[in-house]
């Protein structure tokens, strides 16, 4: 039965329409052309193909831009924004603009030609990748020009990846993205009305109801959101109230890595090689210690195409009720 559901943070409405659904086996995805190690810029031994590295975890005694690394961070060869610029804001009548200042980095998650470390590698690799996310976010937020730092991963062609070697990206921007501003405003309004954090309330309700709950431990919870926009959409939230991803500690990193691996591995069991995006939403660099906001990670599987109705109306149509999605993922 079709339902309209409202997201408690953004206020966005979603149409849950099971009648429009397909079986997971009905989907197929475009494969990357075969790339040999010699031609992959992210494989160990090909360090000269990329721009010089910014940061790395590597064996003692090895030099930057040489083999011997475990994780490597390099500038994006084709960046969306560039560091070498000043803001230079200006207006033309009703229009505002500024120079394209920012940072765009690639985190190469493994020296091996692996499609997805969350499926193929052990927990320690995922933990180290999360540590690198934290380290780079701390470093980039020191730059007074940057208001926001977004960590994200595109896996598969349909999700926007151009290479199948496991990697993720970071972009720092001089403005706060609109999606994040909507979350900040919605959670601030909820806090003003109820004197509680909407994300903390969400954690309590999902644990008590259980039907959309995936996994929980001492530090994190994962679940399919009540107003899921996409089939098998998932959210991971820290149980400790904190608005800033940079505050994650070592015990939480281990828990977070395990939770993320669980989500992706079980998604991959339902639809092998499924393209997906994930992203971390955290507080802006100029807004710290927010009592009403909660950092989180969103996983967006790419099983559907955004079409005219979605673009025109702002409604998402999701054929998979989150309760059913959660049941399938847990199984």
C-alpha atoms as a PDB file:
ATOM      1  CA  UNK A   1       0.000   0.000   0.000  1.00  0.00           C
ATOM      2  CA  UNK A   2       1.392   3.406  -1.044  1.00  0.00           C
ATOM      3  CA  UNK A   3       2.259   5.883   1.739  1.00  0.00           C
ATOM      4  CA  UNK A   4       3.638   9.390   2.038  1.00  0.00           C
ATOM      5  CA  UNK A   5       6.227   9.719   4.817  1.00  0.00           C
ATOM      6  CA  UNK A   6       7.836  12.856   6.212  1.00  0.00           C
ATOM      7  CA  UNK A   7      11.509  13.021   7.177  1.00  0.00           C
ATOM      8  CA  UNK A   8      11.673  14.356  10.770  1.00  0.00           C
ATOM      9  CA  UNK A   9      14.912  16.314  10.124  1.00  0.00           C
ATOM     10  CA  UNK A  10      14.561  17.934   6.699  1.00  0.00           C
ATOM     11  CA  UNK A  11      10.757  17.961   6.504  1.00  0.00           C
ATOM     12  CA  UNK A  12      11.017  16.338   3.058  1.00  0.00           C
ATOM     13  CA  UNK A  13       8.157  14.059   1.984  1.00  0.00           C
ATOM     14  CA  UNK A  14       8.808  10.659   0.363  1.00  0.00           C
ATOM     15  CA  UNK A  15       6.416   8.359  -1.515  1.00  0.00           C
ATOM     16  CA  UNK A  16       6.770   4.697  -0.493  1.00  0.00           C
ATOM     17  CA  UNK A  17       5.270   2.752  -3.406  1.00  0.00           C
ATOM     18  CA  UNK A  18       5.886  -1.031  -3.246  1.00  0.00           C
ATOM     19  CA  UNK A  19       3.836  -1.601  -6.416  1.00  0.00           C
ATOM     20  CA  UNK A  20       6.626  -0.057  -8.487  1.00  0.00           C
ATOM     21  CA  UNK A  21       9.244  -2.475  -7.196  1.00  0.00           C
ATOM     22  CA  UNK A  22      11.522  -4.930  -8.921  1.00  0.00           C
ATOM     23  CA  UNK A  23      13.342  -7.957  -7.602  1.00  0.00           C
ATOM     24  CA  UNK A  24      17.047  -7.377  -6.898  1.00  0.00           C
ATOM     25  CA  UNK A  25      17.855  -9.968  -9.580  1.00  0.00           C
ATOM     26  CA  UNK A  26      16.155  -7.744 -12.176  1.00  0.00           C
ATOM     27  CA  UNK A  27      18.990  -5.227 -11.991  1.00  0.00           C
ATOM     28  CA  UNK A  28      22.271  -5.246 -13.875  1.00  0.00           C
ATOM     29  CA  UNK A  29      25.100  -2.747 -13.764  1.00  0.00           C
ATOM     30  CA  UNK A  30      27.630  -1.548 -16.280  1.00  0.00           C
ATOM     31  CA  UNK A  31      31.051  -3.022 -15.619  1.00  0.00           C
ATOM     32  CA  UNK A  32      34.262  -1.028 -15.820  1.00  0.00           C
ATOM     33  CA  UNK A  33      36.505  -2.003 -18.733  1.00  0.00           C
ATOM     34  CA  UNK A  34      39.315  -4.288 -17.621  1.00  0.00           C
ATOM     35  CA  UNK A  35      42.223  -2.175 -16.332  1.00  0.00           C
ATOM     36  CA  UNK A  36      45.540  -3.883 -15.760  1.00  0.00           C
ATOM     37  CA  UNK A  37      47.736  -2.900 -12.831  1.00  0.00           C
ATOM     38  CA  UNK A  38      50.178  -1.199 -15.198  1.00  0.00           C
ATOM     39  CA  UNK A  39      47.507   1.303 -16.275  1.00  0.00           C
ATOM     40  CA  UNK A  40      45.720   1.956 -12.958  1.00  0.00           C
ATOM     41  CA  UNK A  41      46.917   5.226 -11.383  1.00  0.00           C
ATOM     42  CA  UNK A  42      45.919   4.015  -7.902  1.00  0.00           C
ATOM     43  CA  UNK A  43      47.928   0.772  -7.886  1.00  0.00           C
ATOM     44  CA  UNK A  44      51.218   0.488  -6.010  1.00  0.00           C
ATOM     45  CA  UNK A  45      54.124   1.165  -8.341  1.00  0.00           C
ATOM     46  CA  UNK A  46      52.192   3.771 -10.364  1.00  0.00           C
ATOM     47  CA  UNK A  47      52.691   6.683  -7.948  1.00  0.00           C
ATOM     48  CA  UNK A  48      54.129   8.949 -10.669  1.00  0.00           C
ATOM     49  CA  UNK A  49      50.807   8.866 -12.563  1.00  0.00           C
ATOM     50  CA  UNK A  50      49.012  10.808  -9.796  1.00  0.00           C
ATOM     51  CA  UNK A  51      49.775  14.278  -8.425  1.00  0.00           C
ATOM     52  CA  UNK A  52      52.251  14.244  -5.482  1.00  0.00           C
ATOM     53  CA  UNK A  53      50.781  12.735  -2.319  1.00  0.00           C
ATOM     54  CA  UNK A  54      49.497  14.921   0.499  1.00  0.00           C
ATOM     55  CA  UNK A  55      49.375  12.283   3.217  1.00  0.00           C
ATOM     56  CA  UNK A  56      49.964   8.538   3.550  1.00  0.00           C
ATOM     57  CA  UNK A  57      50.270   5.565   5.859  1.00  0.00           C
ATOM     58  CA  UNK A  58      53.395   3.733   4.715  1.00  0.00           C
ATOM     59  CA  UNK A  59      56.231   1.452   5.796  1.00  0.00           C
ATOM     60  CA  UNK A  60      58.999   3.056   7.833  1.00  0.00           C
ATOM     61  CA  UNK A  61      61.849   4.213   5.647  1.00  0.00           C
ATOM     62  CA  UNK A  62      59.826   4.557   2.430  1.00  0.00           C
ATOM     63  CA  UNK A  63      59.622   7.967   0.756  1.00  0.00           C
ATOM     64  CA  UNK A  64      56.534   9.850  -0.482  1.00  0.00           C
ATOM     65  CA  UNK A  65      55.369   8.949  -3.984  1.00  0.00           C
ATOM     66  CA  UNK A  66      57.103   5.573  -3.900  1.00  0.00           C
ATOM     67  CA  UNK A  67      55.822   2.032  -3.177  1.00  0.00           C
ATOM     68  CA  UNK A  68      55.425   0.917   0.444  1.00  0.00           C
ATOM     69  CA  UNK A  69      52.172   2.697   1.342  1.00  0.00           C
ATOM     70  CA  UNK A  70      48.912   1.292   2.777  1.00  0.00           C
ATOM     71  CA  UNK A  71      46.671   4.337   2.238  1.00  0.00           C
ATOM     72  CA  UNK A  72      47.555   7.319   0.100  1.00  0.00           C
ATOM     73  CA  UNK A  73      45.920  10.768  -0.230  1.00  0.00           C
ATOM     74  CA  UNK A  74      46.526  12.777  -3.422  1.00  0.00           C
ATOM     75  CA  UNK A  75      44.947  15.864  -4.981  1.00  0.00           C
ATOM     76  CA  UNK A  76      42.258  15.039  -7.515  1.00  0.00           C
ATOM     77  CA  UNK A  77      43.802  15.287 -10.984  1.00  0.00           C
ATOM     78  CA  UNK A  78      40.634  16.983 -12.249  1.00  0.00           C
ATOM     79  CA  UNK A  79      39.487  18.963  -9.182  1.00  0.00           C
ATOM     80  CA  UNK A  80      36.057  20.527  -8.768  1.00  0.00           C
ATOM     81  CA  UNK A  81      37.667  23.332  -6.697  1.00  0.00           C
ATOM     82  CA  UNK A  82      41.253  24.543  -6.327  1.00  0.00           C
ATOM     83  CA  UNK A  83      43.376  25.576  -3.334  1.00  0.00           C
ATOM     84  CA  UNK A  84      45.351  28.270  -5.186  1.00  0.00           C
ATOM     85  CA  UNK A  85      42.803  31.034  -5.073  1.00  0.00           C
ATOM     86  CA  UNK A  86      41.203  33.761  -2.960  1.00  0.00           C
ATOM     87  CA  UNK A  87      37.465  33.972  -2.345  1.00  0.00           C
ATOM     88  CA  UNK A  88      36.860  37.201  -4.320  1.00  0.00           C
ATOM     89  CA  UNK A  89      33.110  37.435  -3.743  1.00  0.00           C
ATOM     90  CA  UNK A  90      31.136  39.733  -6.025  1.00  0.00           C
ATOM     91  CA  UNK A  91      27.604  40.488  -7.161  1.00  0.00           C
ATOM     92  CA  UNK A  92      25.989  41.222 -10.522  1.00  0.00           C
ATOM     93  CA  UNK A  93      22.526  42.555  -9.808  1.00  0.00           C
ATOM     94  CA  UNK A  94      20.596  39.757  -8.104  1.00  0.00           C
ATOM     95  CA  UNK A  95      23.372  37.215  -8.769  1.00  0.00           C
ATOM     96  CA  UNK A  96      26.234  36.320  -6.399  1.00  0.00           C
ATOM     97  CA  UNK A  97      29.468  34.569  -7.251  1.00  0.00           C
ATOM     98  CA  UNK A  98      32.941  33.855  -5.921  1.00  0.00           C
ATOM     99  CA  UNK A  99      36.100  32.243  -7.223  1.00  0.00           C
ATOM    100  CA  UNK A 100      36.245  28.422  -7.190  1.00  0.00           C
ATOM    101  CA  UNK A 101      38.375  28.081  -4.086  1.00  0.00           C
ATOM    102  CA  UNK A 102      38.382  24.794  -2.192  1.00  0.00           C
ATOM    103  CA  UNK A 103      40.138  21.455  -1.969  1.00  0.00           C
ATOM    104  CA  UNK A 104      39.482  18.167  -3.740  1.00  0.00           C
ATOM    105  CA  UNK A 105      41.382  15.101  -2.540  1.00  0.00           C
ATOM    106  CA  UNK A 106      41.303  11.378  -3.352  1.00  0.00           C
ATOM    107  CA  UNK A 107      41.895   8.752  -0.640  1.00  0.00           C
ATOM    108  CA  UNK A 108      43.321   5.638  -2.292  1.00  0.00           C
ATOM    109  CA  UNK A 109      42.224   3.015   0.223  1.00  0.00           C
ATOM    110  CA  UNK A 110      44.543   0.165  -0.728  1.00  0.00           C
ATOM    111  CA  UNK A 111      47.652  -0.391  -2.889  1.00  0.00           C
ATOM    112  CA  UNK A 112      45.964  -3.523  -4.312  1.00  0.00           C
ATOM    113  CA  UNK A 113      43.604  -3.418  -7.283  1.00  0.00           C
ATOM    114  CA  UNK A 114      40.504  -4.148  -5.160  1.00  0.00           C
ATOM    115  CA  UNK A 115      36.997  -3.039  -6.117  1.00  0.00           C
ATOM    116  CA  UNK A 116      35.748  -2.391  -2.575  1.00  0.00           C
ATOM    117  CA  UNK A 117      37.740  -2.755   0.652  1.00  0.00           C
ATOM    118  CA  UNK A 118      34.507  -2.937   2.681  1.00  0.00           C
ATOM    119  CA  UNK A 119      33.679  -6.228   0.976  1.00  0.00           C
ATOM    120  CA  UNK A 120      37.138  -7.691   0.274  1.00  0.00           C
ATOM    121  CA  UNK A 121      39.467  -6.505   3.067  1.00  0.00           C
ATOM    122  CA  UNK A 122      39.675  -6.978   6.822  1.00  0.00           C
ATOM    123  CA  UNK A 123      38.399  -4.601   9.484  1.00  0.00           C
ATOM    124  CA  UNK A 124      41.777  -2.956  10.127  1.00  0.00           C
ATOM    125  CA  UNK A 125      41.864  -1.524   6.582  1.00  0.00           C
ATOM    126  CA  UNK A 126      38.471   0.141   7.084  1.00  0.00           C
ATOM    127  CA  UNK A 127      39.595   1.499  10.469  1.00  0.00           C
ATOM    128  CA  UNK A 128      42.666   3.112   8.919  1.00  0.00           C
ATOM    129  CA  UNK A 129      40.580   4.683   6.159  1.00  0.00           C
ATOM    130  CA  UNK A 130      38.286   6.258   8.784  1.00  0.00           C
ATOM    131  CA  UNK A 131      41.337   7.576  10.642  1.00  0.00           C
ATOM    132  CA  UNK A 132      42.490   9.208   7.402  1.00  0.00           C
ATOM    133  CA  UNK A 133      39.033  10.791   6.939  1.00  0.00           C
ATOM    134  CA  UNK A 134      39.342  12.309  10.405  1.00  0.00           C
ATOM    135  CA  UNK A 135      42.931  13.465   9.887  1.00  0.00           C
ATOM    136  CA  UNK A 136      42.234  15.157   6.560  1.00  0.00           C
ATOM    137  CA  UNK A 137      39.067  16.801   7.868  1.00  0.00           C
ATOM    138  CA  UNK A 138      41.009  18.234  10.832  1.00  0.00           C
ATOM    139  CA  UNK A 139      43.703  19.559   8.510  1.00  0.00           C
ATOM    140  CA  UNK A 140      41.375  21.082   5.918  1.00  0.00           C
ATOM    141  CA  UNK A 141      39.170  22.767   8.520  1.00  0.00           C
ATOM    142  CA  UNK A 142      42.213  24.733   9.701  1.00  0.00           C
ATOM    143  CA  UNK A 143      41.945  26.767   6.487  1.00  0.00           C
ATOM    144  CA  UNK A 144      39.831  29.847   7.259  1.00  0.00           C
ATOM    145  CA  UNK A 145      38.517  29.906   3.676  1.00  0.00           C
ATOM    146  CA  UNK A 146      36.694  26.582   4.092  1.00  0.00           C
ATOM    147  CA  UNK A 147      33.260  26.460   5.716  1.00  0.00           C
ATOM    148  CA  UNK A 148      32.606  22.786   5.087  1.00  0.00           C
ATOM    149  CA  UNK A 149      34.396  19.489   4.424  1.00  0.00           C
ATOM    150  CA  UNK A 150      32.472  16.592   2.856  1.00  0.00           C
ATOM    151  CA  UNK A 151      33.804  13.019   2.894  1.00  0.00           C
ATOM    152  CA  UNK A 152      32.160  10.737   0.335  1.00  0.00           C
ATOM    153  CA  UNK A 153      32.595   7.539  -1.651  1.00  0.00           C
ATOM    154  CA  UNK A 154      31.326   6.764  -5.154  1.00  0.00           C
ATOM    155  CA  UNK A 155      31.407   3.043  -5.899  1.00  0.00           C
ATOM    156  CA  UNK A 156      30.498   1.921  -9.423  1.00  0.00           C
ATOM    157  CA  UNK A 157      29.836   3.782 -12.661  1.00  0.00           C
ATOM    158  CA  UNK A 158      26.201   4.513 -11.829  1.00  0.00           C
ATOM    159  CA  UNK A 159      27.368   6.138  -8.577  1.00  0.00           C
ATOM    160  CA  UNK A 160      29.833   8.437 -10.368  1.00  0.00           C
ATOM    161  CA  UNK A 161      33.122   6.560  -9.988  1.00  0.00           C
ATOM    162  CA  UNK A 162      35.562   6.742 -12.894  1.00  0.00           C
ATOM    163  CA  UNK A 163      37.871   3.955 -11.641  1.00  0.00           C
ATOM    164  CA  UNK A 164      37.071   0.646  -9.933  1.00  0.00           C
ATOM    165  CA  UNK A 165      40.133   0.699  -7.633  1.00  0.00           C
ATOM    166  CA  UNK A 166      38.729   1.242  -4.116  1.00  0.00           C
ATOM    167  CA  UNK A 167      38.883   4.932  -3.212  1.00  0.00           C
ATOM    168  CA  UNK A 168      36.923   7.761  -1.635  1.00  0.00           C
ATOM    169  CA  UNK A 169      37.087  11.546  -1.847  1.00  0.00           C
ATOM    170  CA  UNK A 170      37.045  14.752   0.193  1.00  0.00           C
ATOM    171  CA  UNK A 171      35.903  18.172  -1.007  1.00  0.00           C
ATOM    172  CA  UNK A 172      36.270  21.346   1.075  1.00  0.00           C
ATOM    173  CA  UNK A 173      33.998  24.256   0.131  1.00  0.00           C
ATOM    174  CA  UNK A 174      33.812  27.946   1.102  1.00  0.00           C
ATOM    175  CA  UNK A 175      30.052  27.644   1.734  1.00  0.00           C
ATOM    176  CA  UNK A 176      27.876  25.149   3.623  1.00  0.00           C
ATOM    177  CA  UNK A 177      26.053  22.802   1.178  1.00  0.00           C
ATOM    178  CA  UNK A 178      22.288  23.280   0.917  1.00  0.00           C
ATOM    179  CA  UNK A 179      21.538  19.688   2.017  1.00  0.00           C
ATOM    180  CA  UNK A 180      23.510  20.235   5.207  1.00  0.00           C
ATOM    181  CA  UNK A 181      21.870  23.620   5.844  1.00  0.00           C
ATOM    182  CA  UNK A 182      18.451  21.958   5.558  1.00  0.00           C
ATOM    183  CA  UNK A 183      19.474  19.373   8.151  1.00  0.00           C
ATOM    184  CA  UNK A 184      20.884  22.051  10.458  1.00  0.00           C
ATOM    185  CA  UNK A 185      17.755  24.171  10.195  1.00  0.00           C
ATOM    186  CA  UNK A 186      15.375  21.224  10.627  1.00  0.00           C
ATOM    187  CA  UNK A 187      17.219  19.834  13.644  1.00  0.00           C
ATOM    188  CA  UNK A 188      17.493  23.315  15.208  1.00  0.00           C
ATOM    189  CA  UNK A 189      13.720  23.812  14.843  1.00  0.00           C
ATOM    190  CA  UNK A 190      13.022  20.392  16.415  1.00  0.00           C
ATOM    191  CA  UNK A 191      15.335  21.249  19.326  1.00  0.00           C
ATOM    192  CA  UNK A 192      13.644  24.609  19.877  1.00  0.00           C
ATOM    193  CA  UNK A 193      10.210  22.952  19.877  1.00  0.00           C
ATOM    194  CA  UNK A 194      11.014  19.895  22.023  1.00  0.00           C
ATOM    195  CA  UNK A 195      14.315  20.730  23.745  1.00  0.00           C
ATOM    196  CA  UNK A 196      15.771  17.473  22.449  1.00  0.00           C
ATOM    197  CA  UNK A 197      18.064  16.391  19.612  1.00  0.00           C
ATOM    198  CA  UNK A 198      16.023  14.848  16.786  1.00  0.00           C
ATOM    199  CA  UNK A 199      18.838  12.403  16.000  1.00  0.00           C
ATOM    200  CA  UNK A 200      19.016  11.214  19.620  1.00  0.00           C
ATOM    201  CA  UNK A 201      15.233  10.736  19.564  1.00  0.00           C
ATOM    202  CA  UNK A 202      15.591   8.817  16.310  1.00  0.00           C
ATOM    203  CA  UNK A 203      18.133   6.473  17.914  1.00  0.00           C
ATOM    204  CA  UNK A 204      15.822   5.780  20.867  1.00  0.00           C
ATOM    205  CA  UNK A 205      12.788   5.143  18.661  1.00  0.00           C
ATOM    206  CA  UNK A 206      14.563   2.885  16.153  1.00  0.00           C
ATOM    207  CA  UNK A 207      16.008   0.763  18.991  1.00  0.00           C
ATOM    208  CA  UNK A 208      12.640   0.473  20.733  1.00  0.00           C
ATOM    209  CA  UNK A 209      10.659  -0.313  17.560  1.00  0.00           C
ATOM    210  CA  UNK A 210      13.315  -2.623  16.018  1.00  0.00           C
ATOM    211  CA  UNK A 211      11.541  -3.010  12.644  1.00  0.00           C
ATOM    212  CA  UNK A 212      13.983  -0.727  10.758  1.00  0.00           C
ATOM    213  CA  UNK A 213      16.969  -1.456  12.996  1.00  0.00           C
ATOM    214  CA  UNK A 214      19.945  -3.188  11.377  1.00  0.00           C
ATOM    215  CA  UNK A 215      22.729  -3.433  13.961  1.00  0.00           C
ATOM    216  CA  UNK A 216      23.742  -1.721  17.175  1.00  0.00           C
ATOM    217  CA  UNK A 217      26.571  -1.947  19.663  1.00  0.00           C
ATOM    218  CA  UNK A 218      27.836   0.191  22.526  1.00  0.00           C
ATOM    219  CA  UNK A 219      28.808   3.080  20.255  1.00  0.00           C
ATOM    220  CA  UNK A 220      26.748   3.067  17.014  1.00  0.00           C
ATOM    221  CA  UNK A 221      23.397   2.191  15.492  1.00  0.00           C
ATOM    222  CA  UNK A 222      22.542   1.482  11.836  1.00  0.00           C
ATOM    223  CA  UNK A 223      19.019   1.458  10.413  1.00  0.00           C
ATOM    224  CA  UNK A 224      16.925   2.062   7.295  1.00  0.00           C
ATOM    225  CA  UNK A 225      15.422   5.568   7.672  1.00  0.00           C
ATOM    226  CA  UNK A 226      11.656   5.890   8.198  1.00  0.00           C
ATOM    227  CA  UNK A 227      11.355   8.172   5.130  1.00  0.00           C
ATOM    228  CA  UNK A 228      13.951   6.387   2.988  1.00  0.00           C
ATOM    229  CA  UNK A 229      14.413   8.059  -0.387  1.00  0.00           C
ATOM    230  CA  UNK A 230      15.965   5.009  -2.037  1.00  0.00           C
ATOM    231  CA  UNK A 231      15.705   1.196  -1.807  1.00  0.00           C
ATOM    232  CA  UNK A 232      18.040  -0.107   0.916  1.00  0.00           C
ATOM    233  CA  UNK A 233      19.069   3.384   2.035  1.00  0.00           C
ATOM    234  CA  UNK A 234      20.875   3.182   5.400  1.00  0.00           C
ATOM    235  CA  UNK A 235      21.985   5.582   8.127  1.00  0.00           C
ATOM    236  CA  UNK A 236      24.730   5.102  10.729  1.00  0.00           C
ATOM    237  CA  UNK A 237      24.576   7.273  13.856  1.00  0.00           C
ATOM    238  CA  UNK A 238      26.878   7.485  16.887  1.00  0.00           C
ATOM    239  CA  UNK A 239      25.010   6.900  20.153  1.00  0.00           C
ATOM    240  CA  UNK A 240      27.088   9.579  21.863  1.00  0.00           C
ATOM    241  CA  UNK A 241      25.685  13.007  21.053  1.00  0.00           C
ATOM    242  CA  UNK A 242      28.327  14.770  19.008  1.00  0.00           C
ATOM    243  CA  UNK A 243      27.904  17.095  16.050  1.00  0.00           C
ATOM    244  CA  UNK A 244      31.520  16.867  14.872  1.00  0.00           C
ATOM    245  CA  UNK A 245      32.995  13.823  13.111  1.00  0.00           C
ATOM    246  CA  UNK A 246      36.468  15.029  14.125  1.00  0.00           C
ATOM    247  CA  UNK A 247      35.650  14.079  17.747  1.00  0.00           C
ATOM    248  CA  UNK A 248      35.416  10.348  16.977  1.00  0.00           C
ATOM    249  CA  UNK A 249      37.721   8.360  19.300  1.00  0.00           C
ATOM    250  CA  UNK A 250      39.623   5.118  18.795  1.00  0.00           C
ATOM    251  CA  UNK A 251      36.940   2.816  20.252  1.00  0.00           C
ATOM    252  CA  UNK A 252      34.303   4.540  18.144  1.00  0.00           C
ATOM    253  CA  UNK A 253      36.453   4.237  15.009  1.00  0.00           C
ATOM    254  CA  UNK A 254      36.599   0.460  15.447  1.00  0.00           C
ATOM    255  CA  UNK A 255      32.847   0.258  16.015  1.00  0.00           C
ATOM    256  CA  UNK A 256      32.082   2.600  13.109  1.00  0.00           C
ATOM    257  CA  UNK A 257      34.293   0.587  10.734  1.00  0.00           C
ATOM    258  CA  UNK A 258      32.574  -2.657  11.754  1.00  0.00           C
ATOM    259  CA  UNK A 259      29.119  -1.101  11.329  1.00  0.00           C
ATOM    260  CA  UNK A 260      29.979   0.287   7.895  1.00  0.00           C
ATOM    261  CA  UNK A 261      31.409  -3.052   6.740  1.00  0.00           C
ATOM    262  CA  UNK A 262      28.268  -4.874   7.951  1.00  0.00           C
ATOM    263  CA  UNK A 263      26.043  -2.525   5.960  1.00  0.00           C
ATOM    264  CA  UNK A 264      28.015  -2.756   2.713  1.00  0.00           C
ATOM    265  CA  UNK A 265      28.709  -6.503   2.910  1.00  0.00           C
ATOM    266  CA  UNK A 266      25.034  -7.320   3.457  1.00  0.00           C
ATOM    267  CA  UNK A 267      23.991  -4.927   0.700  1.00  0.00           C
ATOM    268  CA  UNK A 268      26.466  -6.695  -1.592  1.00  0.00           C
ATOM    269  CA  UNK A 269      24.939 -10.072  -0.677  1.00  0.00           C
ATOM    270  CA  UNK A 270      21.493  -8.877  -1.771  1.00  0.00           C
ATOM    271  CA  UNK A 271      22.723  -7.281  -5.023  1.00  0.00           C
ATOM    272  CA  UNK A 272      26.344  -8.201  -5.853  1.00  0.00           C
ATOM    273  CA  UNK A 273      28.491  -5.318  -7.166  1.00  0.00           C
ATOM    274  CA  UNK A 274      25.700  -2.845  -6.464  1.00  0.00           C
ATOM    275  CA  UNK A 275      26.823   0.769  -7.087  1.00  0.00           C
ATOM    276  CA  UNK A 276      26.385   3.051  -4.096  1.00  0.00           C
ATOM    277  CA  UNK A 277      27.398   6.342  -2.544  1.00  0.00           C
ATOM    278  CA  UNK A 278      28.086   7.066   1.076  1.00  0.00           C
ATOM    279  CA  UNK A 279      28.733  10.417   2.683  1.00  0.00           C
ATOM    280  CA  UNK A 280      29.466  11.865   6.096  1.00  0.00           C
ATOM    281  CA  UNK A 281      27.464  14.871   7.266  1.00  0.00           C
ATOM    282  CA  UNK A 282      29.138  16.802  10.058  1.00  0.00           C
ATOM    283  CA  UNK A 283      28.878  20.338  11.456  1.00  0.00           C
ATOM    284  CA  UNK A 284      30.374  23.319   9.567  1.00  0.00           C
ATOM    285  CA  UNK A 285      33.816  24.455  10.687  1.00  0.00           C
ATOM    286  CA  UNK A 286      32.425  27.724  12.114  1.00  0.00           C
ATOM    287  CA  UNK A 287      29.629  26.055  14.115  1.00  0.00           C
ATOM    288  CA  UNK A 288      30.904  23.829  16.913  1.00  0.00           C
ATOM    289  CA  UNK A 289      29.325  22.111  19.939  1.00  0.00           C
ATOM    290  CA  UNK A 290      25.811  22.174  18.490  1.00  0.00           C
ATOM    291  CA  UNK A 291      23.313  20.714  20.955  1.00  0.00           C
ATOM    292  CA  UNK A 292      20.765  20.121  18.201  1.00  0.00           C
ATOM    293  CA  UNK A 293      22.884  18.420  15.494  1.00  0.00           C
ATOM    294  CA  UNK A 294      24.422  14.954  15.244  1.00  0.00           C
ATOM    295  CA  UNK A 295      27.019  13.831  12.693  1.00  0.00           C
ATOM    296  CA  UNK A 296      26.059  10.745  10.685  1.00  0.00           C
ATOM    297  CA  UNK A 297      26.811   8.652   7.609  1.00  0.00           C
ATOM    298  CA  UNK A 298      24.283   8.014   4.829  1.00  0.00           C
ATOM    299  CA  UNK A 299      24.492   5.043   2.447  1.00  0.00           C
ATOM    300  CA  UNK A 300      22.647   5.510  -0.860  1.00  0.00           C
ATOM    301  CA  UNK A 301      22.401   2.413  -3.103  1.00  0.00           C
ATOM    302  CA  UNK A 302      21.945   3.244  -6.790  1.00  0.00           C
ATOM    303  CA  UNK A 303      19.051   0.948  -7.709  1.00  0.00           C
ATOM    304  CA  UNK A 304      16.764   3.655  -9.108  1.00  0.00           C
ATOM    305  CA  UNK A 305      17.051   6.600 -11.476  1.00  0.00           C
ATOM    306  CA  UNK A 306      15.986  10.113 -10.471  1.00  0.00           C
ATOM    307  CA  UNK A 307      13.418  11.125 -13.131  1.00  0.00           C
ATOM    308  CA  UNK A 308      11.178  14.057 -14.058  1.00  0.00           C
ATOM    309  CA  UNK A 309       8.734  13.826 -11.161  1.00  0.00           C
ATOM    310  CA  UNK A 310      11.545  13.745  -8.579  1.00  0.00           C
ATOM    311  CA  UNK A 311      13.350  16.707 -10.154  1.00  0.00           C
ATOM    312  CA  UNK A 312      10.164  18.703 -10.655  1.00  0.00           C
ATOM    313  CA  UNK A 313       8.362  17.996  -7.377  1.00  0.00           C
ATOM    314  CA  UNK A 314      11.184  17.327  -4.932  1.00  0.00           C
ATOM    315  CA  UNK A 315       9.435  14.064  -3.990  1.00  0.00           C
ATOM    316  CA  UNK A 316      11.411  10.847  -4.058  1.00  0.00           C
ATOM    317  CA  UNK A 317       9.563   7.649  -4.998  1.00  0.00           C
ATOM    318  CA  UNK A 318      10.904   4.589  -3.189  1.00  0.00           C
ATOM    319  CA  UNK A 319       9.524   1.157  -4.086  1.00  0.00           C
ATOM    320  CA  UNK A 320      11.150  -0.599  -1.100  1.00  0.00           C
ATOM    321  CA  UNK A 321       9.537   0.036   2.328  1.00  0.00           C
ATOM    322  CA  UNK A 322      12.394   0.510   4.802  1.00  0.00           C
ATOM    323  CA  UNK A 323      10.907  -2.125   7.113  1.00  0.00           C
ATOM    324  CA  UNK A 324      11.214  -4.725   4.329  1.00  0.00           C
ATOM    325  CA  UNK A 325      14.687  -3.465   3.378  1.00  0.00           C
ATOM    326  CA  UNK A 326      15.879  -3.821   6.984  1.00  0.00           C
ATOM    327  CA  UNK A 327      14.487  -7.360   7.191  1.00  0.00           C
ATOM    328  CA  UNK A 328      16.287  -8.354   3.974  1.00  0.00           C
ATOM    329  CA  UNK A 329      19.580  -6.784   5.113  1.00  0.00           C
ATOM    330  CA  UNK A 330      19.473  -8.442   8.535  1.00  0.00           C
ATOM    331  CA  UNK A 331      18.797 -11.794   6.887  1.00  0.00           C
END
